[in-house]
């Protein structure tokens, strides 16, 4: 897990972790930023320092392939084959939070979700 919004492309032709720009890169960055700006911890870019001390996402967003390469991922497939603009929102450093922590996650992401929906 992590706390970041990642956007296409998730892979590149070389199969290594480098920035892989889509034709709509600026739009994807805008969508990702619309979400991260409303989540203070995400926007700061260093969400999981206990687990990943060197991980840094400027403004809480990243190009998927720059973070790690995922060939054949769903967000790339949807973008290329259905014209669906999809991002992946990682909501926390712990993949399976305890049920009692879910209200905290809701509060941390409520404004982000509303801002993201406004982008439509």
N, C-alpha and C. Protein backbone atom coordinates (compact mmCIF):
# COMPACT_ATOMS: atom_id res chain seq x y z
N UNK A 1 0.81 -1.19 0.00
CA UNK A 1 0.00 0.00 0.00
C UNK A 1 0.85 1.25 0.00
N UNK A 2 0.20 2.35 -0.29
CA UNK A 2 0.83 3.66 -0.23
C UNK A 2 -0.29 4.69 -0.18
N UNK A 3 0.08 5.94 -0.25
CA UNK A 3 -0.90 7.03 -0.24
C UNK A 3 -0.53 7.94 -1.39
N UNK A 4 -1.08 7.66 -2.57
CA UNK A 4 -0.69 8.35 -3.79
C UNK A 4 -1.75 8.11 -4.86
N UNK A 5 -1.82 9.01 -5.84
CA UNK A 5 -2.65 8.79 -7.02
C UNK A 5 -1.69 8.55 -8.18
N UNK A 6 -1.82 7.39 -8.82
CA UNK A 6 -0.96 7.14 -9.98
C UNK A 6 -1.80 7.12 -11.24
N UNK A 7 -1.18 7.51 -12.33
CA UNK A 7 -1.89 7.70 -13.60
C UNK A 7 -1.10 7.06 -14.73
N UNK A 8 -1.76 6.80 -15.88
CA UNK A 8 -1.11 6.14 -17.02
C UNK A 8 0.05 6.97 -17.58
N UNK A 9 0.89 6.25 -18.18
CA UNK A 9 0.95 4.81 -18.41
C UNK A 9 1.60 4.10 -17.24
N UNK A 10 1.20 2.84 -17.06
CA UNK A 10 1.77 2.01 -16.00
C UNK A 10 2.96 1.18 -16.47
N UNK A 11 3.19 1.16 -17.75
CA UNK A 11 4.38 0.45 -18.24
C UNK A 11 4.97 1.20 -19.42
N UNK A 12 6.14 0.78 -19.81
CA UNK A 12 6.80 1.39 -20.97
C UNK A 12 7.36 0.26 -21.83
N UNK A 13 7.77 0.59 -23.02
CA UNK A 13 8.23 -0.42 -23.98
C UNK A 13 9.47 -1.17 -23.49
N UNK A 14 10.27 -0.54 -22.65
CA UNK A 14 11.50 -1.17 -22.18
C UNK A 14 11.27 -2.05 -20.95
N UNK A 15 10.12 -1.93 -20.32
CA UNK A 15 9.82 -2.74 -19.16
C UNK A 15 10.56 -2.34 -17.90
N UNK A 16 10.98 -1.07 -17.84
CA UNK A 16 11.67 -0.59 -16.65
C UNK A 16 10.90 0.57 -16.03
N UNK A 17 11.24 0.92 -14.82
CA UNK A 17 10.54 1.98 -14.10
C UNK A 17 11.05 3.36 -14.52
N UNK A 18 10.46 3.89 -15.60
CA UNK A 18 10.76 5.26 -16.04
C UNK A 18 9.44 5.91 -16.42
N UNK A 19 9.43 7.24 -16.47
CA UNK A 19 8.22 7.98 -16.81
C UNK A 19 7.73 7.57 -18.18
N UNK A 20 6.47 7.20 -18.27
CA UNK A 20 5.88 6.77 -19.53
C UNK A 20 4.67 7.66 -19.80
N UNK A 21 4.89 8.68 -20.59
CA UNK A 21 3.89 9.73 -20.83
C UNK A 21 2.81 9.27 -21.82
N UNK A 22 1.56 9.46 -21.41
CA UNK A 22 0.45 9.18 -22.32
C UNK A 22 0.15 10.44 -23.13
N UNK A 23 -0.61 10.32 -24.22
CA UNK A 23 -0.98 11.51 -24.99
C UNK A 23 -1.78 12.53 -24.16
N UNK A 24 -2.46 12.08 -23.11
CA UNK A 24 -3.27 12.95 -22.27
C UNK A 24 -2.62 13.16 -20.90
N UNK A 25 -1.31 13.18 -20.86
CA UNK A 25 -0.57 13.26 -19.60
C UNK A 25 -1.00 14.46 -18.75
N UNK A 26 -1.16 15.62 -19.35
CA UNK A 26 -1.54 16.82 -18.59
C UNK A 26 -2.92 16.66 -17.94
N UNK A 27 -3.84 16.04 -18.65
CA UNK A 27 -5.18 15.81 -18.09
C UNK A 27 -5.10 14.84 -16.92
N UNK A 28 -4.32 13.77 -17.09
CA UNK A 28 -4.17 12.80 -16.00
C UNK A 28 -3.52 13.45 -14.77
N UNK A 29 -2.55 14.31 -14.98
CA UNK A 29 -1.93 15.00 -13.85
C UNK A 29 -2.94 15.90 -13.14
N UNK A 30 -3.77 16.59 -13.93
CA UNK A 30 -4.80 17.45 -13.34
C UNK A 30 -5.78 16.62 -12.50
N UNK A 31 -6.23 15.49 -13.03
CA UNK A 31 -7.15 14.63 -12.29
C UNK A 31 -6.52 14.13 -11.00
N UNK A 32 -5.26 13.67 -11.09
CA UNK A 32 -4.57 13.16 -9.92
C UNK A 32 -4.39 14.27 -8.87
N UNK A 33 -3.99 15.45 -9.30
CA UNK A 33 -3.81 16.56 -8.37
C UNK A 33 -5.11 17.00 -7.73
N UNK A 34 -6.20 16.95 -8.49
CA UNK A 34 -7.49 17.34 -7.91
C UNK A 34 -7.82 16.48 -6.70
N UNK A 35 -7.40 15.23 -6.73
CA UNK A 35 -7.63 14.34 -5.61
C UNK A 35 -6.61 14.60 -4.50
N UNK A 36 -5.34 14.60 -4.82
CA UNK A 36 -4.30 14.66 -3.78
C UNK A 36 -4.29 15.98 -3.02
N UNK A 37 -4.63 17.08 -3.67
CA UNK A 37 -4.59 18.39 -3.00
C UNK A 37 -5.52 18.45 -1.79
N UNK A 38 -6.57 17.66 -1.80
CA UNK A 38 -7.54 17.67 -0.71
C UNK A 38 -7.19 16.69 0.41
N UNK A 39 -6.12 15.94 0.24
CA UNK A 39 -5.67 14.99 1.26
C UNK A 39 -4.28 15.43 1.69
N UNK A 40 -4.19 16.13 2.80
CA UNK A 40 -2.95 16.77 3.23
C UNK A 40 -1.78 15.80 3.29
N UNK A 41 -1.97 14.66 3.91
CA UNK A 41 -0.86 13.71 4.05
C UNK A 41 -0.41 13.19 2.67
N UNK A 42 -1.37 12.94 1.78
CA UNK A 42 -1.04 12.48 0.44
C UNK A 42 -0.25 13.55 -0.30
N UNK A 43 -0.75 14.78 -0.27
CA UNK A 43 -0.15 15.88 -1.02
C UNK A 43 1.28 16.17 -0.58
N UNK A 44 1.61 15.91 0.67
CA UNK A 44 2.96 16.15 1.17
C UNK A 44 3.99 15.23 0.51
N UNK A 45 3.55 14.08 0.01
CA UNK A 45 4.41 13.25 -0.82
C UNK A 45 5.28 12.22 -0.13
N UNK A 46 5.29 12.19 1.18
CA UNK A 46 6.08 11.19 1.92
C UNK A 46 5.16 10.46 2.91
N UNK A 47 4.24 9.67 2.39
CA UNK A 47 3.20 9.11 3.25
C UNK A 47 3.59 7.93 4.12
N UNK A 48 4.52 7.12 3.70
CA UNK A 48 4.81 5.86 4.38
C UNK A 48 6.26 5.79 4.83
N UNK A 49 6.73 6.80 5.53
CA UNK A 49 8.14 6.88 5.89
C UNK A 49 8.60 5.72 6.77
N UNK A 50 7.71 5.17 7.59
CA UNK A 50 8.09 4.03 8.43
C UNK A 50 8.39 2.79 7.59
N UNK A 51 7.62 2.61 6.54
CA UNK A 51 7.76 1.42 5.70
C UNK A 51 8.69 1.65 4.51
N UNK A 52 8.59 2.82 3.90
CA UNK A 52 9.36 3.15 2.70
C UNK A 52 10.02 4.52 2.89
N UNK A 53 11.11 4.59 3.65
CA UNK A 53 11.70 5.89 4.00
C UNK A 53 12.19 6.73 2.83
N UNK A 54 12.51 6.12 1.70
CA UNK A 54 13.02 6.90 0.57
C UNK A 54 11.95 7.22 -0.47
N UNK A 55 10.75 6.70 -0.29
CA UNK A 55 9.69 6.92 -1.28
C UNK A 55 9.18 8.36 -1.20
N UNK A 56 9.12 9.01 -2.35
CA UNK A 56 8.64 10.39 -2.43
C UNK A 56 7.83 10.58 -3.70
N UNK A 57 6.64 11.14 -3.53
CA UNK A 57 5.74 11.44 -4.65
C UNK A 57 5.45 12.93 -4.62
N UNK A 58 6.08 13.72 -5.49
CA UNK A 58 5.81 15.16 -5.49
C UNK A 58 4.31 15.45 -5.62
N UNK A 59 3.79 16.18 -4.67
CA UNK A 59 2.37 16.56 -4.62
C UNK A 59 1.43 15.36 -4.53
N UNK A 60 1.95 14.21 -4.13
CA UNK A 60 1.10 13.05 -3.90
C UNK A 60 0.63 12.34 -5.15
N UNK A 61 1.30 12.56 -6.27
CA UNK A 61 0.92 11.88 -7.51
C UNK A 61 2.16 11.27 -8.16
N UNK A 62 1.93 10.29 -9.02
CA UNK A 62 3.05 9.70 -9.76
C UNK A 62 2.56 9.06 -11.05
N UNK A 63 3.41 9.09 -12.03
CA UNK A 63 3.19 8.31 -13.23
C UNK A 63 3.40 6.85 -12.85
N UNK A 64 2.46 5.98 -13.22
CA UNK A 64 2.53 4.59 -12.80
C UNK A 64 3.83 3.91 -13.14
N UNK A 65 4.29 4.05 -14.37
CA UNK A 65 5.51 3.37 -14.80
C UNK A 65 6.74 3.93 -14.10
N UNK A 66 6.71 5.19 -13.73
CA UNK A 66 7.85 5.76 -13.02
C UNK A 66 7.97 5.15 -11.62
N UNK A 67 6.82 4.83 -11.02
CA UNK A 67 6.82 4.23 -9.69
C UNK A 67 7.28 2.78 -9.79
N UNK A 68 6.54 1.96 -10.54
CA UNK A 68 6.97 0.60 -10.86
C UNK A 68 6.20 0.13 -12.09
N UNK A 69 6.84 -0.68 -12.89
CA UNK A 69 6.32 -1.11 -14.17
C UNK A 69 5.25 -2.20 -14.00
N UNK A 70 4.08 -1.99 -14.63
CA UNK A 70 2.98 -2.96 -14.59
C UNK A 70 2.49 -3.20 -16.01
N UNK A 71 3.04 -4.18 -16.71
CA UNK A 71 2.57 -4.46 -18.07
C UNK A 71 1.14 -5.01 -18.05
N UNK A 72 0.31 -4.53 -18.95
CA UNK A 72 -1.05 -5.05 -19.09
C UNK A 72 -2.00 -4.64 -17.98
N UNK A 73 -1.72 -3.53 -17.31
CA UNK A 73 -2.58 -3.07 -16.22
C UNK A 73 -3.93 -2.57 -16.70
N UNK A 74 -4.90 -2.60 -15.79
CA UNK A 74 -6.28 -2.22 -16.12
C UNK A 74 -6.42 -0.75 -16.52
N UNK A 75 -5.73 0.17 -15.81
CA UNK A 75 -5.94 1.58 -16.16
C UNK A 75 -5.38 1.89 -17.55
N UNK A 76 -4.30 1.27 -17.95
CA UNK A 76 -3.78 1.47 -19.31
C UNK A 76 -4.71 0.84 -20.34
N UNK A 77 -5.19 -0.37 -20.06
CA UNK A 77 -6.08 -1.05 -21.00
C UNK A 77 -7.35 -0.23 -21.21
N UNK A 78 -7.96 0.23 -20.13
CA UNK A 78 -9.18 1.04 -20.25
C UNK A 78 -8.93 2.32 -21.04
N UNK A 79 -7.81 2.95 -20.79
CA UNK A 79 -7.48 4.19 -21.50
C UNK A 79 -7.29 3.93 -23.00
N UNK A 80 -6.54 2.90 -23.34
CA UNK A 80 -6.22 2.63 -24.74
C UNK A 80 -7.38 2.01 -25.53
N UNK A 81 -8.20 1.21 -24.88
CA UNK A 81 -9.23 0.45 -25.61
C UNK A 81 -10.65 0.93 -25.41
N UNK A 82 -10.90 1.77 -24.39
CA UNK A 82 -12.27 2.23 -24.17
C UNK A 82 -12.37 3.74 -24.00
N UNK A 83 -11.23 4.44 -24.10
CA UNK A 83 -11.18 5.89 -23.89
C UNK A 83 -11.62 6.30 -22.49
N UNK A 84 -11.49 5.41 -21.54
CA UNK A 84 -11.82 5.69 -20.14
C UNK A 84 -10.57 6.22 -19.44
N UNK A 85 -10.68 7.38 -18.86
CA UNK A 85 -9.56 7.98 -18.12
C UNK A 85 -9.61 7.46 -16.69
N UNK A 86 -8.70 6.57 -16.39
CA UNK A 86 -8.69 5.90 -15.09
C UNK A 86 -7.39 6.19 -14.37
N UNK A 87 -7.49 6.45 -13.08
CA UNK A 87 -6.32 6.58 -12.22
C UNK A 87 -6.44 5.54 -11.11
N UNK A 88 -5.33 5.25 -10.46
CA UNK A 88 -5.34 4.34 -9.34
C UNK A 88 -5.05 5.14 -8.08
N UNK A 89 -5.95 5.05 -7.13
CA UNK A 89 -5.80 5.79 -5.88
C UNK A 89 -5.44 4.81 -4.77
N UNK A 90 -4.22 4.96 -4.29
CA UNK A 90 -3.75 4.16 -3.15
C UNK A 90 -4.15 4.94 -1.90
N UNK A 91 -4.96 4.33 -1.04
CA UNK A 91 -5.54 5.05 0.10
C UNK A 91 -4.78 4.97 1.40
N UNK A 92 -3.77 4.14 1.47
CA UNK A 92 -3.04 4.07 2.73
C UNK A 92 -1.86 3.13 2.68
N UNK A 93 -0.98 3.30 3.63
CA UNK A 93 0.24 2.51 3.71
C UNK A 93 -0.05 1.06 4.08
N UNK A 94 -1.16 0.84 4.76
CA UNK A 94 -1.56 -0.50 5.18
C UNK A 94 -2.63 -0.99 4.21
N UNK A 95 -2.37 -2.09 3.55
CA UNK A 95 -3.32 -2.60 2.54
C UNK A 95 -4.64 -3.04 3.13
N UNK A 96 -4.61 -3.59 4.34
CA UNK A 96 -5.83 -4.10 4.96
C UNK A 96 -6.00 -3.47 6.34
N UNK A 97 -6.53 -2.24 6.38
CA UNK A 97 -6.70 -1.57 7.67
C UNK A 97 -7.79 -2.25 8.51
N UNK A 98 -7.71 -2.04 9.80
CA UNK A 98 -8.71 -2.58 10.71
C UNK A 98 -10.03 -1.84 10.50
N UNK A 99 -11.12 -2.52 10.72
CA UNK A 99 -12.45 -1.94 10.51
C UNK A 99 -12.65 -0.65 11.28
N UNK A 100 -12.14 -0.58 12.49
CA UNK A 100 -12.33 0.62 13.30
C UNK A 100 -11.56 1.83 12.76
N UNK A 101 -10.64 1.60 11.84
CA UNK A 101 -9.89 2.71 11.24
C UNK A 101 -10.58 3.28 10.00
N UNK A 102 -11.59 2.61 9.49
CA UNK A 102 -12.24 3.04 8.25
C UNK A 102 -12.86 4.44 8.34
N UNK A 103 -13.48 4.83 9.45
CA UNK A 103 -13.99 6.22 9.50
C UNK A 103 -12.89 7.26 9.32
N UNK A 104 -11.69 6.99 9.82
CA UNK A 104 -10.56 7.90 9.64
C UNK A 104 -10.21 8.01 8.15
N UNK A 105 -10.21 6.87 7.46
CA UNK A 105 -9.92 6.87 6.02
C UNK A 105 -10.98 7.69 5.27
N UNK A 106 -12.21 7.54 5.67
CA UNK A 106 -13.30 8.29 5.03
C UNK A 106 -13.05 9.79 5.20
N UNK A 107 -12.75 10.22 6.41
CA UNK A 107 -12.53 11.64 6.66
C UNK A 107 -11.33 12.17 5.89
N UNK A 108 -10.30 11.37 5.75
CA UNK A 108 -9.11 11.81 5.03
C UNK A 108 -9.35 11.92 3.52
N UNK A 109 -10.36 11.22 3.02
CA UNK A 109 -10.57 11.15 1.57
C UNK A 109 -11.89 11.73 1.07
N UNK A 110 -12.77 12.10 1.98
CA UNK A 110 -14.09 12.61 1.58
C UNK A 110 -13.98 13.81 0.66
N UNK A 111 -13.23 14.82 1.07
CA UNK A 111 -13.09 16.04 0.24
C UNK A 111 -12.38 15.73 -1.08
N UNK A 112 -11.43 14.82 -1.03
CA UNK A 112 -10.72 14.42 -2.25
C UNK A 112 -11.69 13.80 -3.25
N UNK A 113 -12.53 12.92 -2.76
CA UNK A 113 -13.51 12.26 -3.65
C UNK A 113 -14.47 13.27 -4.26
N UNK A 114 -14.93 14.23 -3.46
CA UNK A 114 -15.84 15.24 -3.99
C UNK A 114 -15.15 16.10 -5.04
N UNK A 115 -13.92 16.50 -4.78
CA UNK A 115 -13.17 17.30 -5.75
C UNK A 115 -12.90 16.52 -7.04
N UNK A 116 -12.60 15.24 -6.87
CA UNK A 116 -12.36 14.37 -8.04
C UNK A 116 -13.63 14.28 -8.90
N UNK A 117 -14.78 14.12 -8.27
CA UNK A 117 -16.05 14.03 -9.02
C UNK A 117 -16.36 15.34 -9.74
N UNK A 118 -15.96 16.46 -9.17
CA UNK A 118 -16.19 17.75 -9.83
C UNK A 118 -15.45 17.88 -11.15
N UNK A 119 -14.41 17.09 -11.34
CA UNK A 119 -13.61 17.17 -12.56
C UNK A 119 -14.39 16.71 -13.78
N UNK A 120 -15.44 15.95 -13.58
CA UNK A 120 -16.23 15.45 -14.70
C UNK A 120 -16.81 16.62 -15.46
